């Protein structure tokens, strides 16, 4: 039988699954490194940089709140 990970890892995975959605992003070769370099200059993680960029685009271009 395969050994499970540490209890703390299982707890984090369970929390993340319950509280976050995961979005897979495909970029051209080399773009990940470019994104990472800019994020590092801004002292942000890749994820934080991308989320901030998305939020800025939504704020700039959406005039009406999305319908849920």
N, C-alpha and C. Protein backbone atom coordinates (compact mmCIF):
# COMPACT_ATOMS: atom_id res chain seq x y z
N UNK A 1 0.83 -1.18 0.00
CA UNK A 1 0.00 0.00 0.00
C UNK A 1 0.88 1.25 0.00
N UNK A 2 0.47 2.24 -0.79
CA UNK A 2 1.25 3.46 -0.91
C UNK A 2 1.11 4.31 0.35
N UNK A 3 2.23 4.82 0.84
CA UNK A 3 2.21 5.63 2.04
C UNK A 3 1.66 7.03 1.72
N UNK A 4 0.78 7.52 2.56
CA UNK A 4 0.21 8.85 2.35
C UNK A 4 1.20 9.90 2.84
N UNK A 5 0.99 11.14 2.38
CA UNK A 5 1.86 12.24 2.78
C UNK A 5 1.66 12.61 4.23
N UNK A 6 2.40 13.62 4.64
CA UNK A 6 2.29 14.09 6.01
C UNK A 6 0.89 14.61 6.30
N UNK A 7 0.51 14.56 7.54
CA UNK A 7 -0.81 15.03 7.95
C UNK A 7 -0.99 16.51 7.60
N UNK A 8 0.06 17.30 7.74
CA UNK A 8 -0.06 18.73 7.44
C UNK A 8 -0.32 18.96 5.95
N UNK A 9 0.30 18.16 5.10
CA UNK A 9 0.08 18.28 3.66
C UNK A 9 -1.34 17.89 3.30
N UNK A 10 -1.83 16.82 3.91
CA UNK A 10 -3.22 16.40 3.66
C UNK A 10 -4.20 17.48 4.12
N UNK A 11 -3.91 18.09 5.26
CA UNK A 11 -4.79 19.14 5.78
C UNK A 11 -4.80 20.36 4.85
N UNK A 12 -3.63 20.76 4.35
CA UNK A 12 -3.54 21.89 3.42
C UNK A 12 -4.27 21.57 2.13
N UNK A 13 -4.09 20.37 1.61
CA UNK A 13 -4.77 19.96 0.38
C UNK A 13 -6.29 19.98 0.56
N UNK A 14 -6.75 19.51 1.70
CA UNK A 14 -8.19 19.50 1.99
C UNK A 14 -8.72 20.93 2.08
N UNK A 15 -8.01 21.80 2.76
CA UNK A 15 -8.41 23.20 2.88
C UNK A 15 -8.46 23.87 1.51
N UNK A 16 -7.40 23.67 0.72
CA UNK A 16 -7.34 24.28 -0.61
C UNK A 16 -8.47 23.79 -1.49
N UNK A 17 -8.78 22.51 -1.46
CA UNK A 17 -9.85 21.94 -2.28
C UNK A 17 -11.20 22.54 -1.89
N UNK A 18 -11.39 22.82 -0.62
CA UNK A 18 -12.66 23.35 -0.14
C UNK A 18 -12.80 24.85 -0.38
N UNK A 19 -11.69 25.57 -0.49
CA UNK A 19 -11.75 27.03 -0.51
C UNK A 19 -11.25 27.70 -1.79
N UNK A 20 -10.67 26.96 -2.69
CA UNK A 20 -10.11 27.55 -3.90
C UNK A 20 -10.49 26.73 -5.13
N UNK A 21 -10.63 27.42 -6.26
CA UNK A 21 -10.74 26.76 -7.55
C UNK A 21 -9.37 26.83 -8.20
N UNK A 22 -9.07 25.86 -9.02
CA UNK A 22 -7.79 25.82 -9.69
C UNK A 22 -8.01 26.10 -11.17
N UNK A 23 -7.18 26.98 -11.73
CA UNK A 23 -7.25 27.34 -13.14
C UNK A 23 -5.89 27.04 -13.75
N UNK A 24 -5.90 26.23 -14.80
CA UNK A 24 -4.65 25.90 -15.48
C UNK A 24 -4.45 26.89 -16.61
N UNK A 25 -3.27 27.43 -16.72
CA UNK A 25 -2.94 28.46 -17.70
C UNK A 25 -1.82 27.95 -18.60
N UNK A 26 -2.05 28.01 -19.90
CA UNK A 26 -1.03 27.62 -20.86
C UNK A 26 -0.45 28.87 -21.50
N UNK A 27 0.88 28.97 -21.49
CA UNK A 27 1.57 30.10 -22.13
C UNK A 27 2.63 29.55 -23.07
N UNK A 28 3.05 30.38 -24.00
CA UNK A 28 4.08 29.96 -24.94
C UNK A 28 5.40 29.76 -24.22
N UNK A 29 6.25 28.92 -24.79
CA UNK A 29 7.57 28.67 -24.21
C UNK A 29 8.29 29.99 -23.98
N UNK A 30 8.83 30.16 -22.82
CA UNK A 30 9.57 31.36 -22.46
C UNK A 30 8.73 32.40 -21.74
N UNK A 31 7.41 32.38 -21.94
CA UNK A 31 6.57 33.37 -21.29
C UNK A 31 6.49 33.18 -19.78
N UNK A 32 6.56 31.94 -19.32
CA UNK A 32 6.53 31.71 -17.86
C UNK A 32 7.72 32.40 -17.20
N UNK A 33 8.89 32.27 -17.81
CA UNK A 33 10.08 32.89 -17.24
C UNK A 33 9.96 34.41 -17.26
N UNK A 34 9.37 34.95 -18.32
CA UNK A 34 9.16 36.40 -18.42
C UNK A 34 8.19 36.88 -17.34
N UNK A 35 7.11 36.15 -17.15
CA UNK A 35 6.13 36.49 -16.10
C UNK A 35 6.79 36.41 -14.73
N UNK A 36 7.55 35.35 -14.50
CA UNK A 36 8.23 35.18 -13.21
C UNK A 36 9.21 36.33 -12.94
N UNK A 37 9.93 36.76 -13.98
CA UNK A 37 10.91 37.84 -13.80
C UNK A 37 10.23 39.14 -13.41
N UNK A 38 9.13 39.46 -14.06
CA UNK A 38 8.40 40.69 -13.73
C UNK A 38 7.80 40.58 -12.33
N UNK A 39 7.21 39.43 -12.02
CA UNK A 39 6.63 39.24 -10.69
C UNK A 39 7.71 39.40 -9.61
N UNK A 40 8.88 38.85 -9.87
CA UNK A 40 9.98 38.96 -8.90
C UNK A 40 10.40 40.41 -8.72
N UNK A 41 10.46 41.18 -9.81
CA UNK A 41 10.80 42.61 -9.72
C UNK A 41 9.80 43.35 -8.84
N UNK A 42 8.54 42.92 -8.88
CA UNK A 42 7.49 43.55 -8.10
C UNK A 42 7.32 42.91 -6.72
N UNK A 43 8.21 41.97 -6.40
CA UNK A 43 8.20 41.26 -5.13
C UNK A 43 6.86 40.55 -4.90
N UNK A 44 6.38 39.87 -5.96
CA UNK A 44 5.13 39.11 -5.90
C UNK A 44 5.39 37.69 -6.39
N UNK A 45 4.50 36.81 -6.01
CA UNK A 45 4.54 35.46 -6.57
C UNK A 45 3.94 35.51 -7.97
N UNK A 46 4.18 34.48 -8.76
CA UNK A 46 3.57 34.37 -10.08
C UNK A 46 2.05 34.44 -9.96
N UNK A 47 1.51 33.70 -9.03
CA UNK A 47 0.07 33.65 -8.83
C UNK A 47 -0.49 35.03 -8.47
N UNK A 48 0.14 35.71 -7.52
CA UNK A 48 -0.33 37.03 -7.11
C UNK A 48 -0.26 38.02 -8.27
N UNK A 49 0.79 37.96 -9.05
CA UNK A 49 0.94 38.85 -10.20
C UNK A 49 -0.16 38.62 -11.23
N UNK A 50 -0.42 37.36 -11.55
CA UNK A 50 -1.46 37.03 -12.54
C UNK A 50 -2.84 37.43 -12.04
N UNK A 51 -3.14 37.14 -10.78
CA UNK A 51 -4.44 37.51 -10.22
C UNK A 51 -4.63 39.02 -10.23
N UNK A 52 -3.60 39.76 -9.88
CA UNK A 52 -3.69 41.22 -9.89
C UNK A 52 -3.92 41.74 -11.31
N UNK A 53 -3.24 41.16 -12.29
CA UNK A 53 -3.43 41.56 -13.68
C UNK A 53 -4.86 41.29 -14.14
N UNK A 54 -5.40 40.15 -13.77
CA UNK A 54 -6.79 39.82 -14.13
C UNK A 54 -7.76 40.80 -13.49
N UNK A 55 -7.57 41.09 -12.21
CA UNK A 55 -8.46 42.03 -11.51
C UNK A 55 -8.39 43.42 -12.12
N UNK A 56 -7.19 43.87 -12.50
CA UNK A 56 -7.04 45.18 -13.13
C UNK A 56 -7.77 45.21 -14.48
N UNK A 57 -7.67 44.15 -15.26
CA UNK A 57 -8.34 44.07 -16.56
C UNK A 57 -9.85 44.09 -16.37
N UNK A 58 -10.35 43.34 -15.42
CA UNK A 58 -11.79 43.32 -15.15
C UNK A 58 -12.27 44.72 -14.74
N UNK A 59 -11.56 45.37 -13.84
CA UNK A 59 -11.95 46.70 -13.37
C UNK A 59 -11.93 47.71 -14.51
N UNK A 60 -10.97 47.58 -15.41
CA UNK A 60 -10.82 48.53 -16.50
C UNK A 60 -11.88 48.32 -17.59
N UNK A 61 -12.25 47.08 -17.86
CA UNK A 61 -13.08 46.80 -19.01
C UNK A 61 -14.53 46.43 -18.72
N UNK A 62 -14.84 46.11 -17.51
CA UNK A 62 -16.22 45.70 -17.20
C UNK A 62 -16.98 46.88 -16.61
N UNK A 63 -18.06 47.27 -17.29
CA UNK A 63 -18.84 48.39 -16.80
C UNK A 63 -20.00 47.95 -15.93
N UNK A 64 -20.40 46.69 -16.07
CA UNK A 64 -21.49 46.16 -15.26
C UNK A 64 -21.00 44.96 -14.47
N UNK A 65 -21.49 44.77 -13.25
CA UNK A 65 -21.09 43.60 -12.48
C UNK A 65 -21.56 42.31 -13.16
N UNK A 66 -20.78 41.26 -13.09
CA UNK A 66 -21.17 40.00 -13.72
C UNK A 66 -22.43 39.41 -13.08
N UNK A 67 -23.23 38.77 -13.88
CA UNK A 67 -24.43 38.08 -13.39
C UNK A 67 -24.04 36.70 -12.90
N UNK A 68 -24.41 36.37 -11.69
CA UNK A 68 -24.08 35.04 -11.14
C UNK A 68 -25.25 34.12 -11.20
